[in-house]
Amino acid sequence: MSLNIRQATTLDVYSITELFRNTVTSINRQDYTKEEIQVWAESAHNIARWEQKIATQYFLVAEINAQIVGFASINQAGNYLDFLYVHHHFQRQGIAQKLYNTLENYAIGQQANEVTSNVSITARPFFEKNGFEVLQPQQNLRQQVVLVNFKMRKTLKPNLTTR
């Protein structure tokens, strides 16, 4: 398997939103109800919002044989990790880790002191394994449905070779 990580373009938006919807509806159903999953997955329909995120964030896609198998993004300042999703058929192959490592290196390059993220119940163990701590649980109301996630933070150690 040859994994290629590159910056996303708005031409990737439909592949990204399809991967997002499929991952949420298949992987996250272990931790969320059918109603919660439906509301969460519906955010894939707001294409303008996704295009805006791709255009304004450091937004990466991971590809195998030209197929997008994961994506991740962090804001320009490098202190807020917005997305990290891997295709449901490509879980547990190190793709999320490679995407995360690339984002963390970007954050260090931006001289961010810490990275925060709003993390799903499902993704919490991955983030904890990568040194994040839970600051607080959060309840997000979307269309009269409460989605629980966690505000998490990691303090970054600067790479002394980049200074």
N, C-alpha and C. Protein backbone atom coordinates (compact mmCIF):
# COMPACT_ATOMS: atom_id res chain seq x y z
N MET A 1 0.85 -1.18 0.00
CA MET A 1 0.00 0.00 0.00
C MET A 1 0.89 1.24 0.00
N SER A 2 0.71 2.07 -1.00
CA SER A 2 1.47 3.31 -1.09
C SER A 2 0.54 4.47 -0.75
N LEU A 3 0.80 5.09 0.38
CA LEU A 3 -0.06 6.19 0.85
C LEU A 3 0.55 7.52 0.44
N ASN A 4 -0.26 8.35 -0.19
CA ASN A 4 0.17 9.68 -0.60
C ASN A 4 -0.66 10.71 0.18
N ILE A 5 0.01 11.65 0.83
CA ILE A 5 -0.69 12.73 1.53
C ILE A 5 -0.41 14.02 0.78
N ARG A 6 -1.49 14.75 0.46
CA ARG A 6 -1.35 16.01 -0.27
C ARG A 6 -2.38 16.99 0.25
N GLN A 7 -2.17 18.27 -0.10
CA GLN A 7 -3.16 19.27 0.26
C GLN A 7 -4.40 19.10 -0.59
N ALA A 8 -5.55 19.22 0.04
CA ALA A 8 -6.83 19.10 -0.66
C ALA A 8 -7.08 20.35 -1.50
N THR A 9 -7.90 20.18 -2.52
CA THR A 9 -8.41 21.31 -3.29
C THR A 9 -9.93 21.21 -3.28
N THR A 10 -10.60 22.27 -3.68
CA THR A 10 -12.06 22.24 -3.70
C THR A 10 -12.58 21.20 -4.69
N LEU A 11 -11.75 20.75 -5.62
CA LEU A 11 -12.16 19.67 -6.53
C LEU A 11 -12.36 18.35 -5.78
N ASP A 12 -11.80 18.24 -4.59
CA ASP A 12 -11.92 17.02 -3.78
C ASP A 12 -13.19 17.01 -2.92
N VAL A 13 -13.96 18.09 -2.94
CA VAL A 13 -15.04 18.26 -1.97
C VAL A 13 -16.05 17.10 -1.97
N TYR A 14 -16.42 16.59 -3.13
CA TYR A 14 -17.43 15.53 -3.15
C TYR A 14 -16.88 14.21 -2.62
N SER A 15 -15.62 13.92 -2.92
CA SER A 15 -14.99 12.71 -2.36
C SER A 15 -14.86 12.83 -0.84
N ILE A 16 -14.50 14.02 -0.38
CA ILE A 16 -14.34 14.26 1.06
C ILE A 16 -15.68 14.12 1.78
N THR A 17 -16.72 14.74 1.26
CA THR A 17 -18.02 14.68 1.94
C THR A 17 -18.62 13.28 1.89
N GLU A 18 -18.38 12.55 0.81
CA GLU A 18 -18.86 11.16 0.75
C GLU A 18 -18.13 10.30 1.78
N LEU A 19 -16.81 10.46 1.88
CA LEU A 19 -16.04 9.72 2.87
C LEU A 19 -16.52 10.09 4.28
N PHE A 20 -16.73 11.36 4.53
CA PHE A 20 -17.23 11.83 5.83
C PHE A 20 -18.55 11.14 6.18
N ARG A 21 -19.50 11.21 5.27
CA ARG A 21 -20.83 10.63 5.50
C ARG A 21 -20.73 9.12 5.75
N ASN A 22 -19.96 8.41 4.91
CA ASN A 22 -19.83 6.96 5.06
C ASN A 22 -19.14 6.58 6.36
N THR A 23 -18.12 7.34 6.74
CA THR A 23 -17.41 7.03 7.98
C THR A 23 -18.30 7.26 9.19
N VAL A 24 -18.99 8.38 9.22
CA VAL A 24 -19.87 8.68 10.35
C VAL A 24 -20.96 7.62 10.47
N THR A 25 -21.56 7.22 9.35
CA THR A 25 -22.68 6.28 9.41
C THR A 25 -22.24 4.84 9.67
N SER A 26 -20.99 4.51 9.42
CA SER A 26 -20.55 3.13 9.67
C SER A 26 -19.70 2.99 10.93
N ILE A 27 -18.73 3.86 11.12
CA ILE A 27 -17.79 3.73 12.25
C ILE A 27 -18.38 4.30 13.54
N ASN A 28 -19.00 5.46 13.47
CA ASN A 28 -19.45 6.14 14.69
C ASN A 28 -20.75 5.56 15.26
N ARG A 29 -21.39 4.67 14.56
CA ARG A 29 -22.64 4.11 15.08
C ARG A 29 -22.43 3.24 16.31
N GLN A 30 -21.17 2.86 16.59
CA GLN A 30 -20.89 2.11 17.81
C GLN A 30 -21.05 2.98 19.06
N ASP A 31 -20.96 4.30 18.89
CA ASP A 31 -21.00 5.20 20.05
C ASP A 31 -22.15 6.21 20.04
N TYR A 32 -22.89 6.26 18.94
CA TYR A 32 -23.97 7.25 18.81
C TYR A 32 -25.24 6.57 18.31
N THR A 33 -26.39 7.16 18.65
CA THR A 33 -27.67 6.59 18.22
C THR A 33 -27.91 6.85 16.73
N LYS A 34 -28.88 6.16 16.18
CA LYS A 34 -29.23 6.32 14.77
C LYS A 34 -29.63 7.77 14.48
N GLU A 35 -30.37 8.37 15.40
CA GLU A 35 -30.80 9.76 15.24
C GLU A 35 -29.60 10.71 15.27
N GLU A 36 -28.68 10.50 16.19
CA GLU A 36 -27.47 11.32 16.28
C GLU A 36 -26.63 11.20 15.01
N ILE A 37 -26.47 9.98 14.53
CA ILE A 37 -25.69 9.73 13.30
C ILE A 37 -26.32 10.45 12.12
N GLN A 38 -27.64 10.38 12.00
CA GLN A 38 -28.34 11.02 10.88
C GLN A 38 -28.09 12.52 10.86
N VAL A 39 -28.22 13.17 12.01
CA VAL A 39 -28.02 14.62 12.10
C VAL A 39 -26.57 14.97 11.79
N TRP A 40 -25.64 14.20 12.33
CA TRP A 40 -24.21 14.43 12.11
C TRP A 40 -23.86 14.28 10.63
N ALA A 41 -24.32 13.20 10.02
CA ALA A 41 -24.01 12.93 8.61
C ALA A 41 -24.61 13.97 7.67
N GLU A 42 -25.72 14.58 8.05
CA GLU A 42 -26.35 15.59 7.20
C GLU A 42 -25.48 16.81 6.96
N SER A 43 -24.51 17.05 7.83
CA SER A 43 -23.64 18.21 7.63
C SER A 43 -22.77 18.05 6.38
N ALA A 44 -22.73 16.86 5.80
CA ALA A 44 -22.01 16.65 4.54
C ALA A 44 -22.69 17.38 3.38
N HIS A 45 -23.96 17.70 3.52
CA HIS A 45 -24.71 18.33 2.43
C HIS A 45 -24.36 19.80 2.22
N ASN A 46 -23.74 20.43 3.21
CA ASN A 46 -23.42 21.86 3.11
C ASN A 46 -22.08 22.02 2.37
N ILE A 47 -22.14 21.87 1.05
CA ILE A 47 -20.93 21.86 0.21
C ILE A 47 -20.17 23.19 0.31
N ALA A 48 -20.88 24.29 0.37
CA ALA A 48 -20.21 25.60 0.46
C ALA A 48 -19.36 25.68 1.73
N ARG A 49 -19.86 25.16 2.84
CA ARG A 49 -19.10 25.16 4.09
C ARG A 49 -17.83 24.31 3.94
N TRP A 50 -17.95 23.14 3.32
CA TRP A 50 -16.80 22.27 3.12
C TRP A 50 -15.77 22.93 2.21
N GLU A 51 -16.23 23.55 1.14
CA GLU A 51 -15.30 24.24 0.23
C GLU A 51 -14.57 25.36 0.95
N GLN A 52 -15.29 26.07 1.83
CA GLN A 52 -14.67 27.15 2.60
C GLN A 52 -13.60 26.59 3.54
N LYS A 53 -13.87 25.46 4.18
CA LYS A 53 -12.89 24.83 5.07
C LYS A 53 -11.64 24.41 4.28
N ILE A 54 -11.86 23.80 3.11
CA ILE A 54 -10.73 23.37 2.28
C ILE A 54 -9.88 24.56 1.86
N ALA A 55 -10.54 25.66 1.52
CA ALA A 55 -9.83 26.84 1.02
C ALA A 55 -9.10 27.61 2.11
N THR A 56 -9.58 27.54 3.35
CA THR A 56 -9.02 28.41 4.40
C THR A 56 -8.19 27.67 5.45
N GLN A 57 -8.21 26.36 5.46
CA GLN A 57 -7.45 25.60 6.43
C GLN A 57 -6.30 24.86 5.75
N TYR A 58 -5.36 24.39 6.56
CA TYR A 58 -4.35 23.45 6.07
C TYR A 58 -5.08 22.11 6.04
N PHE A 59 -5.57 21.74 4.87
CA PHE A 59 -6.52 20.64 4.70
C PHE A 59 -5.85 19.57 3.84
N LEU A 60 -5.69 18.38 4.40
CA LEU A 60 -4.97 17.30 3.73
C LEU A 60 -5.90 16.15 3.35
N VAL A 61 -5.55 15.47 2.27
CA VAL A 61 -6.19 14.20 1.95
C VAL A 61 -5.11 13.13 1.86
N ALA A 62 -5.49 11.92 2.23
CA ALA A 62 -4.62 10.75 2.10
C ALA A 62 -5.20 9.89 0.98
N GLU A 63 -4.33 9.49 0.06
CA GLU A 63 -4.78 8.71 -1.09
C GLU A 63 -4.01 7.40 -1.19
N ILE A 64 -4.73 6.37 -1.64
CA ILE A 64 -4.11 5.11 -2.05
C ILE A 64 -4.64 4.85 -3.46
N ASN A 65 -3.72 4.69 -4.40
CA ASN A 65 -4.11 4.48 -5.81
C ASN A 65 -5.12 5.54 -6.28
N ALA A 66 -4.86 6.79 -5.96
CA ALA A 66 -5.67 7.95 -6.37
C ALA A 66 -7.07 7.97 -5.74
N GLN A 67 -7.34 7.08 -4.78
CA GLN A 67 -8.61 7.11 -4.05
C GLN A 67 -8.37 7.78 -2.71
N ILE A 68 -9.22 8.76 -2.37
CA ILE A 68 -9.11 9.42 -1.07
C ILE A 68 -9.61 8.45 0.00
N VAL A 69 -8.70 8.14 0.94
CA VAL A 69 -9.01 7.19 2.01
C VAL A 69 -9.01 7.85 3.39
N GLY A 70 -8.73 9.15 3.42
CA GLY A 70 -8.75 9.88 4.68
C GLY A 70 -8.55 11.35 4.43
N PHE A 71 -8.93 12.17 5.42
CA PHE A 71 -8.66 13.60 5.33
C PHE A 71 -8.54 14.17 6.73
N ALA A 72 -7.87 15.31 6.81
CA ALA A 72 -7.65 15.96 8.09
C ALA A 72 -7.37 17.43 7.85
N SER A 73 -7.70 18.28 8.84
CA SER A 73 -7.42 19.70 8.68
C SER A 73 -7.15 20.36 10.02
N ILE A 74 -6.42 21.46 9.91
CA ILE A 74 -6.10 22.29 11.06
C ILE A 74 -6.17 23.74 10.58
N ASN A 75 -6.50 24.65 11.48
CA ASN A 75 -6.59 26.05 11.06
C ASN A 75 -5.21 26.60 10.71
N GLN A 76 -5.18 27.75 10.06
CA GLN A 76 -3.91 28.33 9.60
C GLN A 76 -2.93 28.59 10.74
N ALA A 77 -3.44 28.97 11.91
CA ALA A 77 -2.57 29.24 13.05
C ALA A 77 -1.97 27.96 13.63
N GLY A 78 -2.56 26.81 13.28
CA GLY A 78 -2.04 25.54 13.75
C GLY A 78 -2.45 25.18 15.16
N ASN A 79 -3.49 25.83 15.68
CA ASN A 79 -3.86 25.55 17.07
C ASN A 79 -5.25 24.93 17.24
N TYR A 80 -5.98 24.68 16.13
CA TYR A 80 -7.27 24.01 16.22
C TYR A 80 -7.39 22.95 15.13
N LEU A 81 -7.40 21.68 15.54
CA LEU A 81 -7.57 20.57 14.61
C LEU A 81 -9.07 20.39 14.38
N ASP A 82 -9.50 20.58 13.14
CA ASP A 82 -10.93 20.58 12.83
C ASP A 82 -11.43 19.20 12.42
N PHE A 83 -10.76 18.53 11.48
CA PHE A 83 -11.23 17.25 10.96
C PHE A 83 -10.12 16.20 10.98
N LEU A 84 -10.53 14.95 11.22
CA LEU A 84 -9.64 13.80 11.05
C LEU A 84 -10.53 12.57 10.86
N TYR A 85 -10.65 12.15 9.61
CA TYR A 85 -11.53 11.02 9.26
C TYR A 85 -10.80 10.08 8.32
N VAL A 86 -11.05 8.78 8.51
CA VAL A 86 -10.49 7.75 7.63
C VAL A 86 -11.64 6.88 7.13
N HIS A 87 -11.59 6.56 5.85
CA HIS A 87 -12.58 5.72 5.19
C HIS A 87 -12.84 4.46 6.00
N HIS A 88 -14.10 4.05 6.10
CA HIS A 88 -14.44 2.90 6.94
C HIS A 88 -13.79 1.60 6.47
N HIS A 89 -13.40 1.49 5.21
CA HIS A 89 -12.71 0.29 4.73
C HIS A 89 -11.19 0.35 4.95
N PHE A 90 -10.69 1.46 5.45
CA PHE A 90 -9.24 1.64 5.61
C PHE A 90 -8.85 1.97 7.05
N GLN A 91 -9.70 1.58 8.01
CA GLN A 91 -9.42 1.82 9.41
C GLN A 91 -8.26 0.96 9.88
N ARG A 92 -7.55 1.42 10.90
CA ARG A 92 -6.50 0.67 11.59
C ARG A 92 -5.34 0.27 10.67
N GLN A 93 -5.01 1.18 9.74
CA GLN A 93 -3.87 0.94 8.85
C GLN A 93 -2.82 2.04 8.99
N GLY A 94 -2.94 2.88 10.00
CA GLY A 94 -1.96 3.93 10.24
C GLY A 94 -2.23 5.22 9.47
N ILE A 95 -3.34 5.30 8.76
CA ILE A 95 -3.63 6.48 7.94
C ILE A 95 -3.93 7.69 8.83
N ALA A 96 -4.76 7.50 9.84
CA ALA A 96 -5.08 8.62 10.76
C ALA A 96 -3.80 9.11 11.44
N GLN A 97 -2.92 8.18 11.82
CA GLN A 97 -1.69 8.57 12.49
C GLN A 97 -0.80 9.40 11.58
N LYS A 98 -0.69 9.00 10.32
CA LYS A 98 0.15 9.75 9.38
C LYS A 98 -0.45 11.14 9.12
N LEU A 99 -1.76 11.20 8.98
CA LEU A 99 -2.40 12.51 8.81
C LEU A 99 -2.18 13.38 10.05
N TYR A 100 -2.41 12.79 11.22
CA TYR A 100 -2.22 13.55 12.46
C TYR A 100 -0.78 14.05 12.60
N ASN A 101 0.19 13.18 12.34
CA ASN A 101 1.60 13.59 12.47
C ASN A 101 1.91 14.76 11.55
N THR A 102 1.36 14.75 10.34
CA THR A 102 1.58 15.85 9.40
C THR A 102 0.98 17.14 9.94
N LEU A 103 -0.22 17.06 10.52
CA LEU A 103 -0.85 18.26 11.09
C LEU A 103 -0.07 18.77 12.29
N GLU A 104 0.40 17.86 13.14
CA GLU A 104 1.16 18.30 14.32
C GLU A 104 2.46 18.99 13.88
N ASN A 105 3.13 18.44 12.88
CA ASN A 105 4.35 19.08 12.38
C ASN A 105 4.04 20.47 11.81
N TYR A 106 2.91 20.61 11.15
CA TYR A 106 2.48 21.92 10.65
C TYR A 106 2.28 22.87 11.83
N ALA A 107 1.59 22.41 12.87
CA ALA A 107 1.32 23.25 14.04
C ALA A 107 2.63 23.71 14.68
N ILE A 108 3.58 22.81 14.81
CA ILE A 108 4.88 23.17 15.38
C ILE A 108 5.57 24.20 14.49
N GLY A 109 5.46 24.01 13.18
CA GLY A 109 6.03 24.98 12.24
C GLY A 109 5.39 26.35 12.33
N GLN A 110 4.11 26.38 12.74
CA GLN A 110 3.39 27.64 12.94
C GLN A 110 3.67 28.21 14.33
N GLN A 111 4.50 27.54 15.10
CA GLN A 111 4.87 27.92 16.46
C GLN A 111 3.68 27.95 17.41
N ALA A 112 2.71 27.06 17.16
CA ALA A 112 1.58 26.91 18.08
C ALA A 112 2.08 26.24 19.36
N ASN A 113 1.58 26.69 20.49
CA ASN A 113 1.96 26.11 21.78
C ASN A 113 1.11 24.90 22.14
N GLU A 114 -0.11 24.87 21.59
CA GLU A 114 -1.01 23.77 21.87
C GLU A 114 -1.98 23.60 20.70
N VAL A 115 -2.58 22.43 20.65
CA VAL A 115 -3.62 22.14 19.67
C VAL A 115 -4.85 21.71 20.44
N THR A 116 -6.00 22.28 20.08
CA THR A 116 -7.27 21.85 20.66
C THR A 116 -8.10 21.21 19.55
N SER A 117 -9.08 20.42 19.96
CA SER A 117 -9.99 19.81 19.00
C SER A 117 -11.27 19.41 19.73
N ASN A 118 -12.35 19.35 18.98
CA ASN A 118 -13.61 18.80 19.49
C ASN A 118 -13.71 17.38 18.95
N VAL A 119 -13.63 16.41 19.84
CA VAL A 119 -13.38 15.02 19.47
C VAL A 119 -14.59 14.15 19.81
N SER A 120 -14.97 13.29 18.89
CA SER A 120 -16.09 12.38 19.11
C SER A 120 -15.74 11.33 20.17
N ILE A 121 -16.78 10.69 20.69
CA ILE A 121 -16.58 9.57 21.62
C ILE A 121 -15.70 8.52 20.95
N THR A 122 -15.97 8.25 19.67
CA THR A 122 -15.26 7.22 18.92
C THR A 122 -13.78 7.54 18.78
N ALA A 123 -13.46 8.81 18.51
CA ALA A 123 -12.07 9.20 18.25
C ALA A 123 -11.27 9.51 19.52
N ARG A 124 -11.93 9.62 20.64
CA ARG A 124 -11.25 10.01 21.88
C ARG A 124 -10.03 9.13 22.20
N PRO A 125 -10.12 7.79 22.12
CA PRO A 125 -8.92 6.98 22.43
C PRO A 125 -7.73 7.28 21.52
N PHE A 126 -7.98 7.53 20.24
CA PHE A 126 -6.88 7.88 19.33
C PHE A 126 -6.20 9.16 19.78
N PHE A 127 -6.99 10.17 20.12
CA PHE A 127 -6.42 11.45 20.55
C PHE A 127 -5.70 11.30 21.88
N GLU A 128 -6.24 10.52 22.80
CA GLU A 128 -5.55 10.30 24.08
C GLU A 128 -4.21 9.60 23.85
N LYS A 129 -4.18 8.64 22.94
CA LYS A 129 -2.94 7.94 22.60
C LYS A 129 -1.90 8.91 22.06
N ASN A 130 -2.35 10.00 21.45
CA ASN A 130 -1.46 11.00 20.88
C ASN A 130 -1.20 12.17 21.82
N GLY A 131 -1.49 11.99 23.09
CA GLY A 131 -1.11 12.99 24.09
C GLY A 131 -2.13 14.07 24.39
N PHE A 132 -3.34 13.93 23.89
CA PHE A 132 -4.39 14.90 24.19
C PHE A 132 -5.03 14.57 25.52
N GLU A 133 -5.50 15.61 26.20
CA GLU A 133 -6.24 15.43 27.45
C GLU A 133 -7.63 16.05 27.27
N VAL A 134 -8.60 15.46 27.96
CA VAL A 134 -9.96 15.99 27.91
C VAL A 134 -10.04 17.22 28.80
N LEU A 135 -10.49 18.33 28.22
CA LEU A 135 -10.74 19.53 29.01
C LEU A 135 -12.16 19.51 29.57
N GLN A 136 -13.11 19.09 28.73
CA GLN A 136 -14.50 18.99 29.19
C GLN A 136 -15.34 18.26 28.16
N PRO A 137 -16.37 17.54 28.65
CA PRO A 137 -17.35 16.98 27.72
C PRO A 137 -18.24 18.13 27.22
N GLN A 138 -18.76 17.96 26.01
CA GLN A 138 -19.61 19.01 25.43
C GLN A 138 -20.88 18.39 24.88
N GLN A 139 -21.96 19.14 24.95
CA GLN A 139 -23.23 18.72 24.36
C GLN A 139 -23.59 19.74 23.30
N ASN A 140 -23.64 19.27 22.05
CA ASN A 140 -23.94 20.15 20.92
C ASN A 140 -25.35 19.85 20.43
N LEU A 141 -26.18 20.88 20.41
CA LEU A 141 -27.55 20.71 19.95
C LEU A 141 -27.64 20.99 18.46
N ARG A 142 -28.04 19.98 17.70
CA ARG A 142 -28.25 20.12 16.26
C ARG A 142 -29.61 19.55 15.92
N GLN A 143 -30.47 20.38 15.40
CA GLN A 143 -31.82 19.95 15.00
C GLN A 143 -32.52 19.19 16.13
N GLN A 144 -32.48 19.76 17.33
CA GLN A 144 -33.11 19.17 18.52
C GLN A 144 -32.51 17.83 18.94
N VAL A 145 -31.31 17.53 18.46
CA VAL A 145 -30.60 16.31 18.86
C VAL A 145 -29.29 16.73 19.52
N VAL A 146 -29.00 16.13 20.68
CA VAL A 146 -27.76 16.45 21.39
C VAL A 146 -26.67 15.46 20.96
N LEU A 147 -25.55 16.01 20.49
CA LEU A 147 -24.38 15.20 20.15
C LEU A 147 -23.30 15.48 21.19
N VAL A 148 -22.81 14.42 21.82
CA VAL A 148 -21.77 14.55 22.83
C VAL A 148 -20.41 14.41 22.17
N ASN A 149 -19.51 15.33 22.52
CA ASN A 149 -18.10 15.18 22.13
C ASN A 149 -17.25 15.75 23.26
N PHE A 150 -15.95 15.83 23.02
CA PHE A 150 -15.04 16.28 24.06
C PHE A 150 -14.12 17.37 23.54
N LYS A 151 -14.01 18.44 24.31
CA LYS A 151 -13.00 19.47 24.03
C LYS A 151 -11.70 18.90 24.58
N MET A 152 -10.70 18.73 23.68
CA MET A 152 -9.42 18.14 24.07
C MET A 152 -8.28 19.06 23.70
N ARG A 153 -7.16 18.89 24.39
CA ARG A 153 -5.99 19.75 24.17
C ARG A 153 -4.71 18.94 24.30
N LYS A 154 -3.75 19.34 23.47
CA LYS A 154 -2.40 18.79 23.58
C LYS A 154 -1.42 19.95 23.60
N THR A 155 -0.53 19.95 24.58
CA THR A 155 0.55 20.92 24.63
C THR A 155 1.66 20.43 23.71
N LEU A 156 2.12 21.31 22.83
CA LEU A 156 3.15 20.92 21.86
C LEU A 156 4.54 21.22 22.40
N LYS A 157 5.43 20.35 22.05
CA LYS A 157 6.84 20.56 22.38
C LYS A 157 7.51 21.05 21.10
N PRO A 158 8.07 22.23 21.12
CA PRO A 158 8.66 22.77 19.89
C PRO A 158 9.82 21.91 19.40
N ASN A 159 9.93 21.83 18.12
CA ASN A 159 11.04 21.13 17.47
C ASN A 159 12.23 22.10 17.47
N LEU A 160 13.21 21.82 18.26
CA LEU A 160 14.34 22.75 18.41
C LEU A 160 15.14 22.93 17.14
N THR A 161 15.04 21.99 16.21
CA THR A 161 15.79 22.12 14.97
C THR A 161 15.14 23.14 14.03
N THR A 162 13.87 23.50 14.28
CA THR A 162 13.20 24.47 13.38
C THR A 162 13.34 25.90 13.87
N ARG A 163 13.96 26.10 15.02
CA ARG A 163 14.04 27.46 15.56
C ARG A 163 15.37 28.09 15.26
